[in-house]
Amino acid sequence: MKTFAIPTREQVTPENQAIFDTLTKVVGRVPNLFAVFATSDHALANYITLSNGKTSLRAKEKEAVNLIVSQVNDCAYCSAAHTAIAKMNGFTDDQIVEIRGGSASFDPKIDALVKVAKSITENKGHADHQVVENFYAAGYTQANLIDVVVAVGDKTITNYVYALTQVPVDWPAIPELVK
């Protein structure tokens, strides 16, 4: 497979340069995976619009979805990135490892969320009926379920981009899960 070069600011369109500048201000750098999106004139802006869109999920819930989807899709890049972001959103190291393993015993509502996101991802949208019913029983709504599907799609996009590009992971290393 052809190796993907990580473009510099000077190698991308003026529109992507502006996004690079914003990312540098907000994150302190342009993460490698976002830089690779900029090899397309439009993908980076489109992805950021999707990722930053309004949702009924709280930031912590969205990170739980990001963690489990990245784990199911075996994305080392996104698992590392979202481990760091999950810590910023208040999850502990142990909670993050548990979420990546497919559950959240520390919070019944997050547990139902993680399990439904995992089932959606593993079954290509055909989530286990009982898992969906448990999601509703935990207090989530049909609107929340649709927002979970959008979050799964969002994360699947980055997982697939990483799978195809194998850019270097520029986030802190994370522990391997014991299976």
Protein backbone atom coordinates (compact mmCIF):
# COMPACT_ATOMS: atom_id res chain seq x y z
CA MET A 1 0.00 0.00 0.00
CA LYS A 2 1.21 3.49 -0.82
CA THR A 3 2.38 5.41 2.24
CA PHE A 4 0.44 8.56 3.03
CA ALA A 5 2.60 11.59 3.57
CA ILE A 6 1.39 13.96 6.25
CA PRO A 7 0.93 17.31 4.51
CA THR A 8 2.33 20.46 6.00
CA ARG A 9 0.43 23.72 6.18
CA GLU A 10 2.18 24.95 3.03
CA GLN A 11 1.06 21.87 1.07
CA VAL A 12 -2.70 22.26 1.61
CA THR A 13 -5.33 24.63 0.22
CA PRO A 14 -5.82 28.08 1.76
CA GLU A 15 -9.10 26.81 3.27
CA ASN A 16 -7.30 23.91 4.92
CA GLN A 17 -4.50 26.24 6.03
CA ALA A 18 -7.10 28.26 7.95
CA ILE A 19 -8.34 25.07 9.61
CA PHE A 20 -4.74 24.11 10.45
CA ASP A 21 -4.33 27.53 12.09
CA THR A 22 -7.48 27.04 14.16
CA LEU A 23 -6.43 23.52 15.20
CA THR A 24 -3.02 24.84 16.23
CA LYS A 25 -4.69 27.50 18.40
CA VAL A 26 -7.14 25.04 19.99
CA VAL A 27 -5.10 21.82 20.22
CA GLY A 28 -1.58 23.22 20.07
CA ARG A 29 -0.84 21.33 16.85
CA VAL A 30 -2.48 19.69 13.87
CA PRO A 31 -3.00 16.02 14.72
CA ASN A 32 -1.62 13.73 12.02
CA LEU A 33 -5.00 12.22 11.19
CA PHE A 34 -6.56 15.66 10.64
CA ALA A 35 -3.61 16.64 8.47
CA VAL A 36 -4.21 13.60 6.27
CA PHE A 37 -7.85 14.66 5.83
CA ALA A 38 -6.42 17.84 4.27
CA THR A 39 -5.04 15.89 1.32
CA SER A 40 -8.60 16.40 0.08
CA ASP A 41 -9.69 19.96 -0.59
CA HIS A 42 -12.98 19.36 1.27
CA ALA A 43 -12.76 16.36 3.63
CA LEU A 44 -11.23 18.14 6.63
CA ALA A 45 -13.88 20.89 6.74
CA ASN A 46 -16.66 18.38 6.13
CA TYR A 47 -15.39 16.08 8.87
CA ILE A 48 -14.98 18.89 11.41
CA THR A 49 -18.51 20.11 10.66
CA LEU A 50 -19.86 16.61 11.33
CA SER A 51 -17.74 16.08 14.43
CA ASN A 52 -18.64 19.44 15.97
CA GLY A 53 -22.33 19.21 15.12
CA LYS A 54 -25.04 19.50 17.75
CA THR A 55 -26.01 16.31 19.57
CA SER A 56 -28.19 15.22 22.47
CA LEU A 57 -25.19 13.36 23.90
CA ARG A 58 -23.13 15.03 26.59
CA ALA A 59 -19.38 15.35 25.90
CA LYS A 60 -18.61 12.49 28.28
CA GLU A 61 -21.18 10.24 26.56
CA LYS A 62 -19.77 11.09 23.14
CA GLU A 63 -16.29 10.14 24.35
CA ALA A 64 -17.60 6.81 25.63
CA VAL A 65 -18.97 6.14 22.13
CA ASN A 66 -15.68 7.24 20.54
CA LEU A 67 -13.72 4.88 22.78
CA ILE A 68 -15.80 1.76 22.16
CA VAL A 69 -16.19 2.33 18.41
CA SER A 70 -12.44 2.87 18.02
CA GLN A 71 -11.78 -0.29 20.01
CA VAL A 72 -14.23 -2.39 17.98
CA ASN A 73 -12.74 -1.03 14.74
CA ASP A 74 -9.21 -1.70 16.03
CA CYS A 75 -8.09 1.89 15.51
CA ALA A 76 -4.91 2.53 17.50
CA TYR A 77 -4.85 6.20 16.50
CA CYS A 78 -8.39 7.02 17.62
CA SER A 79 -8.16 4.86 20.74
CA ALA A 80 -5.11 6.85 21.83
CA ALA A 81 -6.62 10.23 20.89
CA HIS A 82 -9.92 9.54 22.64
CA THR A 83 -8.21 8.15 25.72
CA ALA A 84 -6.56 11.56 26.13
CA ILE A 85 -9.82 13.40 25.41
CA ALA A 86 -11.82 11.11 27.74
CA LYS A 87 -9.41 11.99 30.57
CA MET A 88 -10.07 15.68 29.87
CA ASN A 89 -13.80 14.90 30.18
CA GLY A 90 -13.42 13.32 33.61
CA PHE A 91 -12.99 9.60 32.96
CA THR A 92 -10.32 7.80 34.99
CA ASP A 93 -7.76 5.43 33.46
CA ASP A 94 -9.64 2.42 34.85
CA GLN A 95 -12.97 3.68 33.50
CA ILE A 96 -11.45 4.23 30.06
CA VAL A 97 -10.05 0.70 29.96
CA GLU A 98 -13.42 -0.68 31.04
CA ILE A 99 -15.25 1.28 28.33
CA ARG A 100 -12.76 0.06 25.72
CA GLY A 101 -13.57 -3.45 26.95
CA GLY A 102 -17.27 -2.92 26.26
CA SER A 103 -18.87 -1.97 29.57
CA ALA A 104 -19.06 0.73 32.23
CA SER A 105 -19.97 -0.84 35.59
CA PHE A 106 -19.30 2.51 37.30
CA ASP A 107 -22.37 4.13 35.63
CA PRO A 108 -25.45 2.13 34.49
CA LYS A 109 -26.47 4.75 31.92
CA ILE A 110 -22.99 4.96 30.34
CA ASP A 111 -22.92 1.14 30.42
CA ALA A 112 -26.11 0.96 28.32
CA LEU A 113 -24.67 3.58 25.95
CA VAL A 114 -21.38 1.72 25.50
CA LYS A 115 -23.17 -1.56 24.89
CA VAL A 116 -25.52 -0.10 22.28
CA ALA A 117 -22.66 1.68 20.46
CA LYS A 118 -20.65 -1.55 20.51
CA SER A 119 -23.58 -3.58 19.15
CA ILE A 120 -24.29 -1.01 16.42
CA THR A 121 -20.64 -1.05 15.36
CA GLU A 122 -20.11 -4.81 15.49
CA ASN A 123 -23.37 -5.54 13.67
CA LYS A 124 -23.16 -2.80 11.03
CA GLY A 125 -26.23 -1.06 12.38
CA HIS A 126 -28.21 -4.19 13.19
CA ALA A 127 -27.90 -3.79 16.96
CA ASP A 128 -29.11 -6.54 19.24
CA HIS A 129 -32.77 -5.85 20.11
CA GLN A 130 -32.31 -6.44 23.84
CA VAL A 131 -29.29 -4.11 23.94
CA VAL A 132 -31.41 -1.36 22.35
CA GLU A 133 -34.24 -2.01 24.84
CA ASN A 134 -31.72 -1.78 27.71
CA PHE A 135 -30.53 1.54 26.26
CA TYR A 136 -34.08 2.90 26.43
CA ALA A 137 -34.62 1.43 29.91
CA ALA A 138 -31.50 3.35 31.08
CA GLY A 139 -33.28 6.60 30.24
CA TYR A 140 -32.21 7.26 26.67
CA THR A 141 -34.66 8.20 23.92
CA GLN A 142 -35.10 7.43 20.24
CA ALA A 143 -33.50 10.82 19.49
CA ASN A 144 -30.49 9.77 21.58
CA LEU A 145 -30.26 6.52 19.58
CA ILE A 146 -30.11 8.45 16.32
CA ASP A 147 -27.38 10.68 17.78
CA VAL A 148 -25.46 7.55 18.82
CA VAL A 149 -25.66 6.30 15.23
CA VAL A 150 -24.28 9.65 13.99
CA ALA A 151 -21.47 9.42 16.59
CA VAL A 152 -20.68 5.86 15.48
CA GLY A 153 -20.55 7.06 11.87
CA ASP A 154 -18.33 10.00 12.80
CA LYS A 155 -15.84 7.78 14.58
CA THR A 156 -15.98 5.09 11.90
CA ILE A 157 -14.86 7.69 9.36
CA THR A 158 -11.67 8.46 11.30
CA ASN A 159 -11.13 4.78 12.09
CA TYR A 160 -11.24 3.95 8.39
CA VAL A 161 -9.00 6.86 7.40
CA TYR A 162 -6.41 5.62 9.91
CA ALA A 163 -6.77 2.01 8.68
CA LEU A 164 -6.05 3.14 5.13
CA THR A 165 -3.26 5.64 5.89
CA GLN A 166 -1.53 4.22 8.98
CA VAL A 167 -0.26 7.68 9.91
CA PRO A 168 1.98 7.76 12.99
CA VAL A 169 0.03 7.98 16.25
CA ASP A 170 0.87 11.36 17.77
CA TRP A 171 -1.03 10.86 21.03
CA PRO A 172 0.24 9.30 24.28
CA ALA A 173 0.52 5.52 24.21
CA ILE A 174 -2.30 3.54 25.80
CA PRO A 175 -2.35 0.09 27.39
CA GLU A 176 -3.32 -2.93 25.34
CA LEU A 177 -6.52 -4.57 26.51
CA VAL A 178 -6.19 -7.98 28.14
CA LYS A 179 -8.67 -10.30 26.46
